[in-house]
PDB file of N, CA and C in Angstrom:
ATOM      1  N   MET A   1      -0.972-118.435  83.477  1.00  0.00           N
ATOM      2  CA  MET A   1      -2.107-118.832  84.236  1.00  0.00           C
ATOM      3  C   MET A   1      -3.322-117.862  83.979  1.00  0.00           C
ATOM      4  N   ILE A   2      -3.062-116.591  84.021  1.00  0.00           N
ATOM      5  CA  ILE A   2      -4.151-115.625  83.752  1.00  0.00           C
ATOM      6  C   ILE A   2      -4.568-115.722  82.321  1.00  0.00           C
ATOM      7  N   LEU A   3      -3.610-115.943  81.352  1.00  0.00           N
ATOM      8  CA  LEU A   3      -3.966-116.050  79.973  1.00  0.00           C
ATOM      9  C   LEU A   3      -4.793-117.341  79.706  1.00  0.00           C
ATOM     10  N   ASP A   4      -4.400-118.412  80.436  1.00  0.00           N
ATOM     11  CA  ASP A   4      -5.321-119.636  80.277  1.00  0.00           C
ATOM     12  C   ASP A   4      -6.765-119.429  80.647  1.00  0.00           C
ATOM     13  N   ILE A   5      -6.929-118.794  81.844  1.00  0.00           N
ATOM     14  CA  ILE A   5      -8.245-118.505  82.386  1.00  0.00           C
ATOM     15  C   ILE A   5      -8.939-117.581  81.320  1.00  0.00           C
ATOM     16  N   LEU A   6      -8.313-116.552  80.937  1.00  0.00           N
ATOM     17  CA  LEU A   6      -8.890-115.574  79.939  1.00  0.00           C
ATOM     18  C   LEU A   6      -9.292-116.293  78.671  1.00  0.00           C
ATOM     19  N   PHE A   7      -8.438-117.179  78.164  1.00  0.00           N
ATOM     20  CA  PHE A   7      -8.757-117.877  76.907  1.00  0.00           C
ATOM     21  C   PHE A   7      -9.988-118.861  77.168  1.00  0.00           C
ATOM     22  N   ILE A   8     -10.005-119.509  78.310  1.00  0.00           N
ATOM     23  CA  ILE A   8     -11.215-120.372  78.528  1.00  0.00           C
ATOM     24  C   ILE A   8     -12.469-119.570  78.650  1.00  0.00           C
ATOM     25  N   VAL A   9     -12.415-118.452  79.385  1.00  0.00           N
ATOM     26  CA  VAL A   9     -13.593-117.662  79.494  1.00  0.00           C
ATOM     27  C   VAL A   9     -14.117-117.099  78.117  1.00  0.00           C
ATOM     28  N   VAL A  10     -13.167-116.601  77.347  1.00  0.00           N
ATOM     29  CA  VAL A  10     -13.545-116.037  76.037  1.00  0.00           C
ATOM     30  C   VAL A  10     -13.990-117.120  75.149  1.00  0.00           C
ATOM     31  N   TRP A  11     -13.410-118.292  75.174  1.00  0.00           N
ATOM     32  CA  TRP A  11     -13.863-119.412  74.325  1.00  0.00           C
ATOM     33  C   TRP A  11     -15.246-119.852  74.716  1.00  0.00           C
ATOM     34  N   GLY A  12     -15.521-119.922  76.022  1.00  0.00           N
ATOM     35  CA  GLY A  12     -16.847-120.318  76.527  1.00  0.00           C
ATOM     36  C   GLY A  12     -17.878-119.287  76.108  1.00  0.00           C
ATOM     37  N   LEU A  13     -17.581-117.949  76.241  1.00  0.00           N
ATOM     38  CA  LEU A  13     -18.499-116.957  75.876  1.00  0.00           C
ATOM     39  C   LEU A  13     -18.834-117.068  74.424  1.00  0.00           C
ATOM     40  N   ILE A  14     -17.794-117.322  73.552  1.00  0.00           N
ATOM     41  CA  ILE A  14     -18.092-117.358  72.105  1.00  0.00           C
ATOM     42  C   ILE A  14     -19.023-118.523  71.826  1.00  0.00           C
ATOM     43  N   VAL A  15     -18.556-119.725  72.347  1.00  0.00           N
ATOM     44  CA  VAL A  15     -19.405-120.980  72.081  1.00  0.00           C
ATOM     45  C   VAL A  15     -20.837-120.858  72.549  1.00  0.00           C
ATOM     46  N   PHE A  16     -21.006-120.406  73.813  1.00  0.00           N
ATOM     47  CA  PHE A  16     -22.368-120.295  74.371  1.00  0.00           C
ATOM     48  C   PHE A  16     -23.157-119.185  73.710  1.00  0.00           C
ATOM     49  N   THR A  17     -22.565-118.137  73.381  1.00  0.00           N
ATOM     50  CA  THR A  17     -23.194-117.057  72.694  1.00  0.00           C
ATOM     51  C   THR A  17     -23.720-117.527  71.279  1.00  0.00           C
ATOM     52  N   VAL A  18     -22.902-118.193  70.530  1.00  0.00           N
ATOM     53  CA  VAL A  18     -23.284-118.709  69.272  1.00  0.00           C
ATOM     54  C   VAL A  18     -24.424-119.740  69.391  1.00  0.00           C
ATOM     55  N   LEU A  19     -24.321-120.601  70.346  1.00  0.00           N
ATOM     56  CA  LEU A  19     -25.414-121.579  70.595  1.00  0.00           C
ATOM     57  C   LEU A  19     -26.703-120.830  71.057  1.00  0.00           C
ATOM     58  N   GLY A  20     -26.536-119.880  71.916  1.00  0.00           N
ATOM     59  CA  GLY A  20     -27.677-119.081  72.355  1.00  0.00           C
ATOM     60  C   GLY A  20     -28.348-118.381  71.210  1.00  0.00           C
ATOM     61  N   ILE A  21     -27.573-117.788  70.301  1.00  0.00           N
ATOM     62  CA  ILE A  21     -28.176-117.031  69.178  1.00  0.00           C
ATOM     63  C   ILE A  21     -28.795-118.064  68.192  1.00  0.00           C
ATOM     64  N   ILE A  22     -28.212-119.272  67.985  1.00  0.00           N
ATOM     65  CA  ILE A  22     -28.794-120.214  67.007  1.00  0.00           C
ATOM     66  C   ILE A  22     -30.114-120.634  67.584  1.00  0.00           C
ATOM     67  N   PHE A  23     -30.185-121.038  68.857  1.00  0.00           N
ATOM     68  CA  PHE A  23     -31.399-121.544  69.479  1.00  0.00           C
ATOM     69  C   PHE A  23     -32.256-120.443  70.134  1.00  0.00           C
ATOM     70  N   LYS A  24     -31.793-119.226  70.182  1.00  0.00           N
ATOM     71  CA  LYS A  24     -32.524-118.150  70.802  1.00  0.00           C
ATOM     72  C   LYS A  24     -33.008-118.466  72.248  1.00  0.00           C
ATOM     73  N   LEU A  25     -31.931-118.918  72.981  1.00  0.00           N
ATOM     74  CA  LEU A  25     -32.262-119.345  74.345  1.00  0.00           C
ATOM     75  C   LEU A  25     -31.431-118.501  75.286  1.00  0.00           C
ATOM     76  N   ILE A  26     -31.828-117.305  75.557  1.00  0.00           N
ATOM     77  CA  ILE A  26     -31.033-116.399  76.390  1.00  0.00           C
ATOM     78  C   ILE A  26     -31.048-116.955  77.834  1.00  0.00           C
ATOM     79  N   PRO A  27     -32.105-117.422  78.457  1.00  0.00           N
ATOM     80  CA  PRO A  27     -32.021-117.931  79.836  1.00  0.00           C
ATOM     81  C   PRO A  27     -30.927-119.152  79.921  1.00  0.00           C
ATOM     82  N   ILE A  28     -30.968-119.966  78.924  1.00  0.00           N
ATOM     83  CA  ILE A  28     -30.061-121.108  78.970  1.00  0.00           C
ATOM     84  C   ILE A  28     -28.595-120.623  78.672  1.00  0.00           C
ATOM     85  N   LEU A  29     -28.525-119.528  77.878  1.00  0.00           N
ATOM     86  CA  LEU A  29     -27.187-118.967  77.675  1.00  0.00           C
ATOM     87  C   LEU A  29     -26.575-118.464  79.007  1.00  0.00           C
ATOM     88  N   LEU A  30     -27.360-117.743  79.751  1.00  0.00           N
ATOM     89  CA  LEU A  30     -26.928-117.223  81.085  1.00  0.00           C
ATOM     90  C   LEU A  30     -26.608-118.301  82.026  1.00  0.00           C
ATOM     91  N   LEU A  31     -27.435-119.379  81.983  1.00  0.00           N
ATOM     92  CA  LEU A  31     -27.181-120.533  82.934  1.00  0.00           C
ATOM     93  C   LEU A  31     -25.876-121.248  82.506  1.00  0.00           C
ATOM     94  N   SER A  32     -25.662-121.381  81.199  1.00  0.00           N
ATOM     95  CA  SER A  32     -24.398-121.969  80.693  1.00  0.00           C
ATOM     96  C   SER A  32     -23.171-121.166  81.089  1.00  0.00           C
ATOM     97  N   LEU A  33     -23.288-119.860  81.006  1.00  0.00           N
ATOM     98  CA  LEU A  33     -22.169-118.971  81.395  1.00  0.00           C
ATOM     99  C   LEU A  33     -21.966-119.161  82.911  1.00  0.00           C
ATOM    100  N   PHE A  34     -22.953-119.394  83.654  1.00  0.00           N
ATOM    101  CA  PHE A  34     -22.800-119.592  85.127  1.00  0.00           C
ATOM    102  C   PHE A  34     -22.017-120.892  85.385  1.00  0.00           C
ATOM    103  N   ILE A  35     -22.387-121.930  84.544  1.00  0.00           N
ATOM    104  CA  ILE A  35     -21.752-123.203  84.635  1.00  0.00           C
ATOM    105  C   ILE A  35     -20.250-122.997  84.183  1.00  0.00           C
ATOM    106  N   LEU A  36     -20.029-122.150  83.211  1.00  0.00           N
ATOM    107  CA  LEU A  36     -18.591-121.960  82.810  1.00  0.00           C
ATOM    108  C   LEU A  36     -17.790-121.366  83.921  1.00  0.00           C
ATOM    109  N   PHE A  37     -18.414-120.446  84.764  1.00  0.00           N
ATOM    110  CA  PHE A  37     -17.612-119.890  85.752  1.00  0.00           C
ATOM    111  C   PHE A  37     -17.454-120.907  86.862  1.00  0.00           C
ATOM    112  N   ILE A  38     -18.449-121.804  87.108  1.00  0.00           N
ATOM    113  CA  ILE A  38     -18.218-123.004  88.052  1.00  0.00           C
ATOM    114  C   ILE A  38     -17.063-123.764  87.533  1.00  0.00           C
ATOM    115  N   HIS A  39     -16.847-123.944  86.255  1.00  0.00           N
ATOM    116  CA  HIS A  39     -15.658-124.707  85.745  1.00  0.00           C
ATOM    117  C   HIS A  39     -14.453-123.993  86.126  1.00  0.00           C
ATOM    118  N   GLU A  40     -14.449-122.712  86.021  1.00  0.00           N
ATOM    119  CA  GLU A  40     -13.234-121.924  86.425  1.00  0.00           C
ATOM    120  C   GLU A  40     -12.926-122.082  87.878  1.00  0.00           C
ATOM    121  N   ILE A  41     -13.865-122.132  88.693  1.00  0.00           N
ATOM    122  CA  ILE A  41     -13.654-122.213  90.126  1.00  0.00           C
ATOM    123  C   ILE A  41     -13.319-123.620  90.542  1.00  0.00           C
ATOM    124  N   SER A  42     -14.006-124.635  90.155  1.00  0.00           N
ATOM    125  CA  SER A  42     -13.870-125.967  90.607  1.00  0.00           C
ATOM    126  C   SER A  42     -12.988-126.867  89.746  1.00  0.00           C
ATOM    127  N   GLY A  43     -12.718-126.515  88.459  1.00  0.00           N
ATOM    128  CA  GLY A  43     -11.770-127.295  87.622  1.00  0.00           C
ATOM    129  C   GLY A  43     -12.480-128.467  86.875  1.00  0.00           C
ATOM    130  N   ILE A  44     -13.851-128.375  86.723  1.00  0.00           N
ATOM    131  CA  ILE A  44     -14.560-129.319  85.975  1.00  0.00           C
ATOM    132  C   ILE A  44     -14.037-129.227  84.489  1.00  0.00           C
ATOM    133  N   PRO A  45     -13.773-130.326  83.780  1.00  0.00           N
ATOM    134  CA  PRO A  45     -13.337-130.120  82.391  1.00  0.00           C
ATOM    135  C   PRO A  45     -14.313-129.414  81.555  1.00  0.00           C
ATOM    136  N   LEU A  46     -13.777-128.588  80.601  1.00  0.00           N
ATOM    137  CA  LEU A  46     -14.614-127.722  79.748  1.00  0.00           C
ATOM    138  C   LEU A  46     -15.537-128.546  78.912  1.00  0.00           C
ATOM    139  N   GLY A  47     -15.104-129.762  78.511  1.00  0.00           N
ATOM    140  CA  GLY A  47     -15.978-130.558  77.662  1.00  0.00           C
ATOM    141  C   GLY A  47     -17.253-130.935  78.396  1.00  0.00           C
ATOM    142  N   VAL A  48     -17.121-131.233  79.709  1.00  0.00           N
ATOM    143  CA  VAL A  48     -18.253-131.548  80.520  1.00  0.00           C
ATOM    144  C   VAL A  48     -19.246-130.332  80.652  1.00  0.00           C
ATOM    145  N   VAL A  49     -18.616-129.156  80.820  1.00  0.00           N
ATOM    146  CA  VAL A  49     -19.480-127.950  80.925  1.00  0.00           C
ATOM    147  C   VAL A  49     -20.137-127.700  79.679  1.00  0.00           C
ATOM    148  N   THR A  50     -19.513-127.900  78.453  1.00  0.00           N
ATOM    149  CA  THR A  50     -20.161-127.655  77.231  1.00  0.00           C
ATOM    150  C   THR A  50     -21.267-128.723  77.038  1.00  0.00           C
ATOM    151  N   GLY A  51     -21.029-129.944  77.344  1.00  0.00           N
ATOM    152  CA  GLY A  51     -22.055-130.980  77.318  1.00  0.00           C
ATOM    153  C   GLY A  51     -23.225-130.671  78.120  1.00  0.00           C
ATOM    154  N   ILE A  52     -23.014-130.131  79.332  1.00  0.00           N
ATOM    155  CA  ILE A  52     -24.128-129.872  80.226  1.00  0.00           C
ATOM    156  C   ILE A  52     -24.960-128.671  79.593  1.00  0.00           C
ATOM    157  N   GLY A  53     -24.221-127.693  79.031  1.00  0.00           N
ATOM    158  CA  GLY A  53     -24.866-126.562  78.352  1.00  0.00           C
ATOM    159  C   GLY A  53     -25.753-127.026  77.262  1.00  0.00           C
ATOM    160  N   ILE A  54     -25.244-127.888  76.401  1.00  0.00           N
ATOM    161  CA  ILE A  54     -25.986-128.356  75.238  1.00  0.00           C
ATOM    162  C   ILE A  54     -27.180-129.243  75.713  1.00  0.00           C
ATOM    163  N   ALA A  55     -26.975-130.047  76.751  1.00  0.00           N
ATOM    164  CA  ALA A  55     -28.093-130.825  77.269  1.00  0.00           C
ATOM    165  C   ALA A  55     -29.221-129.910  77.834  1.00  0.00           C
ATOM    166  N   MET A  56     -28.793-128.913  78.478  1.00  0.00           N
ATOM    167  CA  MET A  56     -29.841-127.930  79.006  1.00  0.00           C
ATOM    168  C   MET A  56     -30.570-127.274  77.893  1.00  0.00           C
ATOM    169  N   MET A  57     -29.892-126.916  76.780  1.00  0.00           N
ATOM    170  CA  MET A  57     -30.567-126.300  75.632  1.00  0.00           C
ATOM    171  C   MET A  57     -31.578-127.299  75.015  1.00  0.00           C
ATOM    172  N   ILE A  58     -31.247-128.563  74.908  1.00  0.00           N
ATOM    173  CA  ILE A  58     -32.133-129.556  74.307  1.00  0.00           C
ATOM    174  C   ILE A  58     -33.266-129.701  75.262  1.00  0.00           C
ATOM    175  N   PHE A  59     -33.115-129.707  76.578  1.00  0.00           N
ATOM    176  CA  PHE A  59     -34.197-129.847  77.487  1.00  0.00           C
ATOM    177  C   PHE A  59     -35.113-128.679  77.381  1.00  0.00           C
ATOM    178  N   TYR A  60     -34.576-127.444  77.264  1.00  0.00           N
ATOM    179  CA  TYR A  60     -35.347-126.274  77.077  1.00  0.00           C
ATOM    180  C   TYR A  60     -36.153-126.311  75.826  1.00  0.00           C
ATOM    181  N   LEU A  61     -35.557-126.811  74.744  1.00  0.00           N
ATOM    182  CA  LEU A  61     -36.319-126.835  73.489  1.00  0.00           C
ATOM    183  C   LEU A  61     -37.487-127.861  73.582  1.00  0.00           C
ATOM    184  N   ILE A  62     -37.243-129.002  74.241  1.00  0.00           N
ATOM    185  CA  ILE A  62     -38.383-129.931  74.421  1.00  0.00           C
ATOM    186  C   ILE A  62     -39.467-129.332  75.284  1.00  0.00           C
ATOM    187  N   ASN A  63     -39.143-128.631  76.315  1.00  0.00           N
ATOM    188  CA  ASN A  63     -40.170-127.968  77.156  1.00  0.00           C
ATOM    189  C   ASN A  63     -40.877-126.932  76.371  1.00  0.00           C
ATOM    190  N   ALA A  64     -40.146-126.186  75.610  1.00  0.00           N
ATOM    191  CA  ALA A  64     -40.812-125.118  74.783  1.00  0.00           C
ATOM    192  C   ALA A  64     -41.819-125.763  73.768  1.00  0.00           C
ATOM    193  N   GLU A  65     -41.480-126.915  73.193  1.00  0.00           N
ATOM    194  CA  GLU A  65     -42.345-127.595  72.236  1.00  0.00           C
ATOM    195  C   GLU A  65     -43.525-128.127  72.952  1.00  0.00           C
ATOM    196  N   ILE A  66     -43.378-128.755  74.132  1.00  0.00           N
ATOM    197  CA  ILE A  66     -44.508-129.244  74.932  1.00  0.00           C
ATOM    198  C   ILE A  66     -45.490-128.021  75.306  1.00  0.00           C
ATOM    199  N   GLU A  67     -44.958-126.988  75.777  1.00  0.00           N
ATOM    200  CA  GLU A  67     -45.784-125.853  76.063  1.00  0.00           C
ATOM    201  C   GLU A  67     -46.552-125.279  74.838  1.00  0.00           C
ATOM    202  N   LYS A  68     -45.879-125.337  73.689  1.00  0.00           N
ATOM    203  CA  LYS A  68     -46.588-124.897  72.370  1.00  0.00           C
ATOM    204  C   LYS A  68     -47.649-125.817  72.085  1.00  0.00           C
ATOM    205  N   ALA A  69     -47.411-127.067  72.228  1.00  0.00           N
ATOM    206  CA  ALA A  69     -48.449-128.115  71.979  1.00  0.00           C
ATOM    207  C   ALA A  69     -49.669-127.982  72.873  1.00  0.00           C
ATOM    208  N   LYS A  70     -49.351-127.668  74.184  1.00  0.00           N
ATOM    209  CA  LYS A  70     -50.453-127.503  75.157  1.00  0.00           C
ATOM    210  C   LYS A  70     -51.300-126.252  74.783  1.00  0.00           C
ATOM    211  N   LYS A  71     -50.630-125.193  74.400  1.00  0.00           N
ATOM    212  CA  LYS A  71     -51.292-124.019  73.945  1.00  0.00           C
ATOM    213  C   LYS A  71     -52.198-124.188  72.759  1.00  0.00           C
ATOM    214  N   SER A  72     -51.681-124.972  71.746  1.00  0.00           N
ATOM    215  CA  SER A  72     -52.435-125.206  70.571  1.00  0.00           C
ATOM    216  C   SER A  72     -53.636-126.125  70.872  1.00  0.00           C
ATOM    217  N   MET A  73     -53.515-127.079  71.740  1.00  0.00           N
ATOM    218  CA  MET A  73     -54.597-127.905  72.173  1.00  0.00           C
ATOM    219  C   MET A  73     -55.647-127.100  72.867  1.00  0.00           C
ATOM    220  N   ASP A  74     -55.263-126.168  73.714  1.00  0.00           N
ATOM    221  CA  ASP A  74     -56.273-125.275  74.376  1.00  0.00           C
ATOM    222  C   ASP A  74     -56.966-124.440  73.359  1.00  0.00           C
ATOM    223  N   ASP A  75     -56.332-123.904  72.318  1.00  0.00           N
ATOM    224  CA  ASP A  75     -56.847-123.122  71.367  1.00  0.00           C
ATOM    225  C   ASP A  75     -57.831-123.966  70.539  1.00  0.00           C
ATOM    226  N   PHE A  76     -57.553-125.212  70.308  1.00  0.00           N
ATOM    227  CA  PHE A  76     -58.348-126.138  69.564  1.00  0.00           C
ATOM    228  C   PHE A  76     -59.702-126.356  70.266  1.00  0.00           C
ATOM    229  N   ARG A  77     -59.685-126.445  71.529  1.00  0.00           N
ATOM    230  CA  ARG A  77     -60.917-126.675  72.306  1.00  0.00           C
ATOM    231  C   ARG A  77     -61.724-125.477  72.324  1.00  0.00           C
TER     232      ARG A  77
END
């Protein structure tokens, strides 16, 4: 039981750390780790947690691109 929880936590840390480093999204990384601990407490399947983390990263990337476009439009004016 303890080894299962430890394995899931370590696996989640590795996956979300790699995704966080790839996309350079430290706030999303921390939020994804929080969701991983929610998985541990409530028993939500790990695939769902991983999907939610990836969806949040994509949402964050879209918002970052929108903000960058707004800034470049302001600089253009």
